[in-house]
Amino acid sequence: MSIEPPFPTAHLQGSASWQQQLKHAFTDMESLCDYLGLVLAELPVSIAANRQFPLRVPLSFAGRMEKGNPNDPLLRQVLPIHDELAAYPGFTDDPVGDLAAARQTGLLHKYHGRVLLINTGGCAINCRYCFRRNFPYAELQLGKQAERAALAYVAENLSVSEVIFSGGDPLLLSDGRLSRLLSKVAAIAHVKRIRIHSRLPIVLPARMTRRLADALQASGKQIVIVMHCNHANELDEEVLAGCRRLRPYPFTLLNQAVLLKGVNDDAVALSELSERLFAFGIMPYYLHMLDRAKGTGHFEVPEATAVAIYRQLQGLLPGYLLPRLVREQAGERAKQPVF
């Protein structure tokens, strides 16, 4: 029996609110595979992996996947498979040292001049390679009670010039909640910039509303939006429309990608990603080596292979479109260049 997609295809054009699209995201493997014309029983899917880290993918993102292709690079990023259950040496629950960097509930302070707020534990999409897939959000996300202590920490540390909103995904906060938090951070004089780390501009571009942009601009601080896109196929007309809604505003738009086996471990694919990002008004920023979170080992690209790919990429792109190849290591004072 055919399973109807959880949301009418017409809504890929953005006629539904982002909240409605989020509510009707795919959350079971059978529905997603049926929508893509794939047979679930023929795929290496894992109920156990899905139980540990549940599937979630908005239709707007699933709609960019190639129907009938079990190796689609976008599908590979979201489908729970047996490989997630394999044990890989060196892969842990906290690969980048977030827990050691927690100074207050909901606040991480790793690097000089910057603090990160864990605004929420939720995401619009559950990426299988996520470095925070095992993070104890119930204990450490920034709830209303912890907010006052976190903001006091920022106010007392005069060296902090940038506050990063992260998560989960901070753009899942309502406009009202986000506006209130922005205004409180903006009231701290020594904070120069507010940075938003979000996958929503890519996977749920309906979230990029004028109201959201107005709320960000109203802070009076410099705004940097760091998006997360790994493959050129993630960038369609709906994403372009969302980016265009931001263009009248003086925001800096950056992208960070993760080098992933079977997704984008190819110089041509990465070149196409940078070119399309730039066409959308987004500057390539970082190309991350995989953070070694438990359950993600099958995505890892060996360093020697990564360097070889990056050398090829250098020959395909002008310097301003070349992201920095980096690795985050627990306890280091900055991202570490790989090449």
Protein backbone atom coordinates (compact mmCIF):
# COMPACT_ATOMS: atom_id res chain seq x y z
CA MET A 1 0.00 0.00 0.00
CA SER A 2 1.35 3.41 -0.93
CA ILE A 3 2.01 5.77 1.94
CA GLU A 4 1.20 9.39 1.25
CA PRO A 5 3.93 11.91 1.98
CA PRO A 6 3.32 13.65 5.30
CA PHE A 7 2.84 17.02 3.62
CA PRO A 8 1.47 18.02 0.19
CA THR A 9 4.17 18.54 -2.41
CA ALA A 10 2.78 21.98 -3.17
CA HIS A 11 4.15 23.14 0.15
CA LEU A 12 7.67 22.70 -1.19
CA GLN A 13 7.00 26.08 -2.79
CA GLY A 14 6.74 27.67 0.65
CA SER A 15 2.95 28.15 0.85
CA ALA A 16 2.91 26.68 4.36
CA SER A 17 4.52 28.26 7.38
CA TRP A 18 7.84 26.91 8.54
CA GLN A 19 6.14 25.66 11.72
CA GLN A 20 3.66 23.62 9.67
CA GLN A 21 6.43 22.21 7.51
CA LEU A 22 8.40 21.25 10.60
CA LYS A 23 5.37 19.57 12.17
CA HIS A 24 4.87 17.40 9.10
CA ALA A 25 8.49 16.36 8.58
CA PHE A 26 9.25 12.71 7.79
CA THR A 27 9.84 10.83 11.03
CA ASP A 28 9.66 7.21 9.88
CA MET A 29 11.83 5.40 7.38
CA GLU A 30 9.01 3.66 5.53
CA SER A 31 7.27 6.90 4.61
CA LEU A 32 10.49 8.52 3.46
CA CYS A 33 11.50 5.52 1.34
CA ASP A 34 8.05 5.24 -0.18
CA TYR A 35 8.16 8.93 -1.11
CA LEU A 36 11.54 8.36 -2.79
CA GLY A 37 10.42 5.23 -4.62
CA LEU A 38 12.75 3.00 -2.62
CA VAL A 39 12.05 -0.39 -1.03
CA LEU A 40 12.87 -0.22 2.66
CA ALA A 41 13.70 -3.94 2.87
CA GLU A 42 16.41 -3.50 0.21
CA LEU A 43 18.27 -0.82 2.15
CA PRO A 44 20.77 -1.30 5.02
CA VAL A 45 18.51 0.57 7.42
CA SER A 46 18.60 -0.04 11.14
CA ILE A 47 15.67 0.18 13.52
CA ALA A 48 18.13 0.16 16.42
CA ALA A 49 20.07 3.13 14.99
CA ASN A 50 16.80 4.96 14.42
CA ARG A 51 15.77 4.25 17.99
CA GLN A 52 19.03 5.74 19.29
CA PHE A 53 18.82 8.83 17.06
CA PRO A 54 15.42 9.18 15.37
CA LEU A 55 14.94 10.09 11.74
CA ARG A 56 13.72 13.61 11.07
CA VAL A 57 13.77 15.31 7.66
CA PRO A 58 11.52 18.06 6.28
CA LEU A 59 9.84 17.43 2.94
CA SER A 60 11.53 20.54 1.54
CA PHE A 61 14.87 18.75 1.98
CA ALA A 62 13.63 15.31 0.94
CA GLY A 63 12.25 16.87 -2.22
CA ARG A 64 15.80 17.59 -3.40
CA MET A 65 16.77 13.92 -3.22
CA GLU A 66 16.94 11.89 -6.43
CA LYS A 67 13.97 9.55 -6.57
CA GLY A 68 14.93 5.89 -6.79
CA ASN A 69 18.58 6.47 -5.85
CA PRO A 70 19.55 4.65 -2.63
CA ASN A 71 22.99 6.33 -2.76
CA ASP A 72 21.70 9.89 -3.04
CA PRO A 73 24.13 12.14 -1.12
CA LEU A 74 21.31 13.93 0.69
CA LEU A 75 19.58 10.70 1.68
CA ARG A 76 22.86 9.32 3.02
CA GLN A 77 23.03 12.23 5.46
CA VAL A 78 19.72 11.39 7.13
CA LEU A 79 18.94 7.65 6.77
CA PRO A 80 19.69 5.47 9.85
CA ILE A 81 21.80 2.48 8.78
CA HIS A 82 23.52 -0.50 10.40
CA ASP A 83 26.98 1.09 10.13
CA GLU A 84 26.03 3.49 12.94
CA LEU A 85 26.07 0.59 15.38
CA ALA A 86 29.65 -0.43 14.58
CA ALA A 87 32.36 0.46 17.09
CA TYR A 88 35.16 2.66 15.74
CA PRO A 89 38.27 3.32 17.87
CA GLY A 90 38.53 6.91 19.07
CA PHE A 91 34.85 7.75 18.55
CA THR A 92 33.18 9.08 21.71
CA ASP A 93 30.01 10.75 22.98
CA ASP A 94 31.80 14.12 23.34
CA PRO A 95 34.34 14.35 20.50
CA VAL A 96 35.07 18.09 20.67
CA GLY A 97 35.16 18.62 24.43
CA ASP A 98 31.88 20.48 24.80
CA LEU A 99 31.22 19.16 28.28
CA ALA A 100 34.57 20.38 29.61
CA ALA A 101 33.87 23.80 28.07
CA ALA A 102 30.53 24.28 29.86
CA ARG A 103 30.92 27.27 32.20
CA GLN A 104 27.24 27.65 32.99
CA THR A 105 24.18 25.63 32.07
CA GLY A 106 23.68 26.36 28.37
CA LEU A 107 26.96 28.21 27.86
CA LEU A 108 30.24 26.92 26.40
CA HIS A 109 33.45 28.93 26.50
CA LYS A 110 36.21 27.30 24.45
CA TYR A 111 37.91 30.05 22.48
CA HIS A 112 39.14 33.53 23.37
CA GLY A 113 36.57 36.24 22.77
CA ARG A 114 33.66 33.91 21.97
CA VAL A 115 31.02 32.08 23.95
CA LEU A 116 28.39 29.71 22.64
CA LEU A 117 24.82 29.43 23.90
CA ILE A 118 23.09 26.05 23.61
CA ASN A 119 19.68 27.56 22.91
CA THR A 120 17.77 24.36 22.21
CA GLY A 121 18.30 20.65 21.78
CA GLY A 122 15.98 20.37 18.79
CA CYS A 123 16.77 20.44 15.08
CA ALA A 124 14.63 20.53 11.94
CA ILE A 125 16.67 17.64 10.59
CA ASN A 126 18.65 14.91 12.32
CA CYS A 127 21.94 14.57 10.45
CA ARG A 128 23.47 11.16 11.06
CA TYR A 129 27.01 12.59 11.35
CA CYS A 130 26.04 15.17 14.00
CA PHE A 131 28.81 15.79 16.54
CA ARG A 132 26.22 16.56 19.24
CA ARG A 133 23.99 13.55 18.60
CA ASN A 134 24.88 12.22 22.07
CA PHE A 135 24.89 15.60 23.88
CA PRO A 136 22.93 15.76 27.19
CA TYR A 137 20.61 18.57 26.11
CA ALA A 138 18.14 17.87 28.91
CA GLU A 139 20.81 18.94 31.39
CA LEU A 140 22.73 21.62 29.52
CA GLN A 141 20.48 23.53 27.12
CA LEU A 142 19.71 27.17 27.87
CA GLY A 143 16.32 27.23 29.55
CA LYS A 144 14.74 30.36 30.95
CA GLN A 145 16.11 29.71 34.44
CA ALA A 146 19.69 29.33 33.19
CA GLU A 147 19.49 32.31 30.86
CA ARG A 148 20.11 34.91 33.55
CA ALA A 149 23.29 33.20 34.78
CA ALA A 150 24.60 32.75 31.23
CA LEU A 151 24.04 36.40 30.35
CA ALA A 152 25.67 37.46 33.63
CA TYR A 153 28.72 35.38 32.68
CA VAL A 154 28.96 37.21 29.34
CA ALA A 155 28.50 40.60 31.00
CA GLU A 156 31.23 39.90 33.54
CA ASN A 157 33.77 38.70 30.95
CA LEU A 158 34.89 41.82 29.13
CA SER A 159 37.00 39.80 26.70
CA VAL A 160 33.87 38.30 25.11
CA SER A 161 33.18 40.16 21.87
CA GLU A 162 31.04 37.55 20.13
CA VAL A 163 28.09 35.45 21.26
CA ILE A 164 27.20 32.39 19.19
CA PHE A 165 23.66 31.05 19.16
CA SER A 166 23.79 27.30 18.61
CA GLY A 167 22.00 24.15 19.65
CA GLY A 168 20.36 22.05 18.31
CA ASP A 169 19.22 24.83 16.04
CA PRO A 170 18.62 28.30 17.50
CA LEU A 171 16.29 29.28 14.65
CA LEU A 172 13.75 26.80 16.01
CA LEU A 173 13.09 29.36 18.72
CA SER A 174 9.98 31.45 18.16
CA ASP A 175 10.48 34.97 16.84
CA GLY A 176 9.41 36.35 20.21
CA ARG A 177 11.81 34.21 22.25
CA LEU A 178 14.64 34.89 19.82
CA SER A 179 13.97 38.65 19.85
CA ARG A 180 14.02 38.77 23.64
CA LEU A 181 17.30 36.88 23.83
CA LEU A 182 18.86 39.01 21.10
CA SER A 183 17.92 42.20 22.92
CA LYS A 184 19.41 40.95 26.19
CA VAL A 185 22.69 40.02 24.51
CA ALA A 186 22.71 43.31 22.59
CA ALA A 187 22.43 45.20 25.87
CA ILE A 188 25.93 43.99 26.82
CA ALA A 189 28.13 46.79 25.47
CA HIS A 190 31.34 44.83 24.87
CA VAL A 191 29.58 42.26 22.65
CA LYS A 192 30.27 43.31 19.05
CA ARG A 193 28.79 40.44 17.10
CA ILE A 194 26.06 37.84 17.35
CA ARG A 195 26.62 34.70 15.31
CA ILE A 196 23.80 32.31 14.41
CA HIS A 197 24.72 28.71 13.57
CA SER A 198 21.80 27.11 11.77
CA ARG A 199 20.90 24.40 9.29
CA LEU A 200 17.40 25.85 8.80
CA PRO A 201 18.28 28.24 5.94
CA ILE A 202 19.17 25.10 3.97
CA VAL A 203 16.75 22.42 5.15
CA LEU A 204 13.74 24.61 6.01
CA PRO A 205 14.19 27.89 4.10
CA ALA A 206 10.64 29.00 4.85
CA ARG A 207 12.09 30.01 8.25
CA MET A 208 13.95 32.85 6.52
CA THR A 209 11.18 35.41 6.94
CA ARG A 210 11.27 39.20 6.92
CA ARG A 211 10.13 39.11 10.52
CA LEU A 212 13.13 36.99 11.48
CA ALA A 213 15.51 39.26 9.58
CA ASP A 214 13.98 42.33 11.23
CA ALA A 215 14.46 40.74 14.67
CA LEU A 216 18.13 40.06 13.94
CA GLN A 217 18.73 43.56 12.63
CA ALA A 218 16.91 45.13 15.59
CA SER A 219 19.66 43.87 17.88
CA GLY A 220 21.92 46.63 16.57
CA LYS A 221 24.88 44.25 16.57
CA GLN A 222 26.76 42.82 13.62
CA ILE A 223 25.00 39.61 12.58
CA VAL A 224 26.80 36.63 11.12
CA ILE A 225 24.71 33.68 9.92
CA VAL A 226 26.71 30.49 9.52
CA MET A 227 24.74 27.98 7.48
CA HIS A 228 25.50 24.30 7.10
CA CYS A 229 25.36 22.81 3.62
CA ASN A 230 27.39 19.80 2.45
CA HIS A 231 26.36 19.25 -1.17
CA ALA A 232 25.32 21.46 -4.07
CA ASN A 233 22.07 19.50 -4.46
CA GLU A 234 20.91 20.95 -1.15
CA LEU A 235 20.72 24.39 -2.77
CA ASP A 236 17.53 24.80 -4.76
CA GLU A 237 15.24 27.69 -5.71
CA GLU A 238 13.52 27.62 -2.34
CA VAL A 239 16.85 28.11 -0.56
CA LEU A 240 17.72 30.88 -3.01
CA ALA A 241 14.43 32.62 -2.24
CA GLY A 242 15.21 32.44 1.48
CA CYS A 243 18.66 33.93 0.92
CA ARG A 244 17.15 36.71 -1.17
CA ARG A 245 14.89 37.65 1.72
CA LEU A 246 18.06 38.32 3.73
CA ARG A 247 19.86 40.35 1.06
CA PRO A 248 18.46 43.79 2.02
CA TYR A 249 20.02 43.33 5.47
CA PRO A 250 23.68 43.88 6.38
CA PHE A 251 24.25 40.29 7.46
CA THR A 252 27.32 38.22 6.70
CA LEU A 253 26.36 34.80 5.30
CA LEU A 254 28.89 31.98 5.64
CA ASN A 255 28.79 28.23 5.13
CA GLN A 256 30.50 25.41 6.91
CA ALA A 257 30.48 21.90 5.48
CA VAL A 258 31.67 18.55 6.78
CA LEU A 259 33.76 16.26 4.59
CA LEU A 260 31.72 13.05 4.49
CA LYS A 261 32.49 9.71 2.87
CA GLY A 262 29.89 8.90 0.24
CA VAL A 263 28.45 12.40 0.31
CA ASN A 264 31.00 14.99 -0.83
CA ASP A 265 34.43 13.31 -0.71
CA ASP A 266 35.20 14.46 -4.24
CA ALA A 267 36.89 17.66 -5.42
CA VAL A 268 34.39 18.26 -8.23
CA ALA A 269 31.43 17.92 -5.83
CA LEU A 270 33.06 20.34 -3.39
CA SER A 271 33.85 22.77 -6.19
CA GLU A 272 30.22 22.73 -7.31
CA LEU A 273 29.16 23.35 -3.72
CA SER A 274 31.37 26.44 -3.38
CA GLU A 275 30.28 27.82 -6.74
CA ARG A 276 26.60 27.45 -5.97
CA LEU A 277 26.97 28.85 -2.46
CA PHE A 278 28.62 31.95 -3.88
CA ALA A 279 25.87 32.30 -6.49
CA PHE A 280 23.40 32.32 -3.58
CA GLY A 281 25.35 35.03 -1.75
CA ILE A 282 26.99 32.69 0.77
CA MET A 283 30.75 32.53 1.30
CA PRO A 284 32.40 29.13 1.85
CA TYR A 285 34.01 29.28 5.31
CA TYR A 286 35.04 25.92 6.75
CA LEU A 287 35.34 22.39 5.44
CA HIS A 288 35.44 20.30 8.61
CA MET A 289 37.00 16.94 9.07
CA LEU A 290 34.44 14.67 10.71
CA ASP A 291 34.05 15.14 14.45
CA ARG A 292 34.49 11.64 15.87
CA ALA A 293 31.12 11.20 17.55
CA LYS A 294 30.00 7.69 18.40
CA GLY A 295 27.82 6.34 15.60
CA THR A 296 29.45 8.36 12.79
CA GLY A 297 32.62 6.41 11.96
CA HIS A 298 31.38 5.23 8.55
CA PHE A 299 31.41 8.87 7.37
CA GLU A 300 35.09 9.47 8.13
CA VAL A 301 37.46 10.39 5.30
CA PRO A 302 41.11 9.56 6.15
CA GLU A 303 43.30 12.63 6.53
CA ALA A 304 45.61 11.68 3.65
CA THR A 305 42.59 11.33 1.37
CA ALA A 306 41.17 14.63 2.60
CA VAL A 307 44.42 16.44 1.87
CA ALA A 308 44.56 14.93 -1.64
CA ILE A 309 40.99 16.06 -2.32
CA TYR A 310 41.77 19.53 -0.99
CA ARG A 311 44.83 19.84 -3.24
CA GLN A 312 42.61 19.06 -6.20
CA LEU A 313 40.04 21.57 -4.97
CA GLN A 314 42.70 24.28 -4.88
CA GLY A 315 43.18 23.80 -8.60
CA LEU A 316 39.46 24.15 -9.31
CA LEU A 317 38.53 27.26 -7.34
CA PRO A 318 39.70 30.84 -6.92
CA GLY A 319 41.12 31.46 -3.47
CA TYR A 320 38.10 33.35 -2.17
CA LEU A 321 35.84 30.34 -2.80
CA LEU A 322 38.16 27.86 -1.08
CA PRO A 323 36.93 26.89 2.40
CA ARG A 324 39.52 26.24 5.10
CA LEU A 325 40.08 22.55 5.79
CA VAL A 326 40.08 22.23 9.58
CA ARG A 327 39.62 19.87 12.47
CA GLU A 328 38.24 20.65 15.90
CA GLN A 329 40.18 19.03 18.71
CA ALA A 330 39.10 18.95 22.33
CA GLY A 331 41.19 21.26 24.50
CA GLU A 332 42.74 23.26 21.64
CA ARG A 333 42.39 27.05 21.63
CA ALA A 334 41.22 27.22 18.01
CA LYS A 335 40.22 25.08 15.03
CA GLN A 336 43.30 23.28 13.73
CA PRO A 337 44.21 23.63 10.03
CA VAL A 338 44.64 20.27 8.31
CA PHE A 339 46.31 21.70 5.22
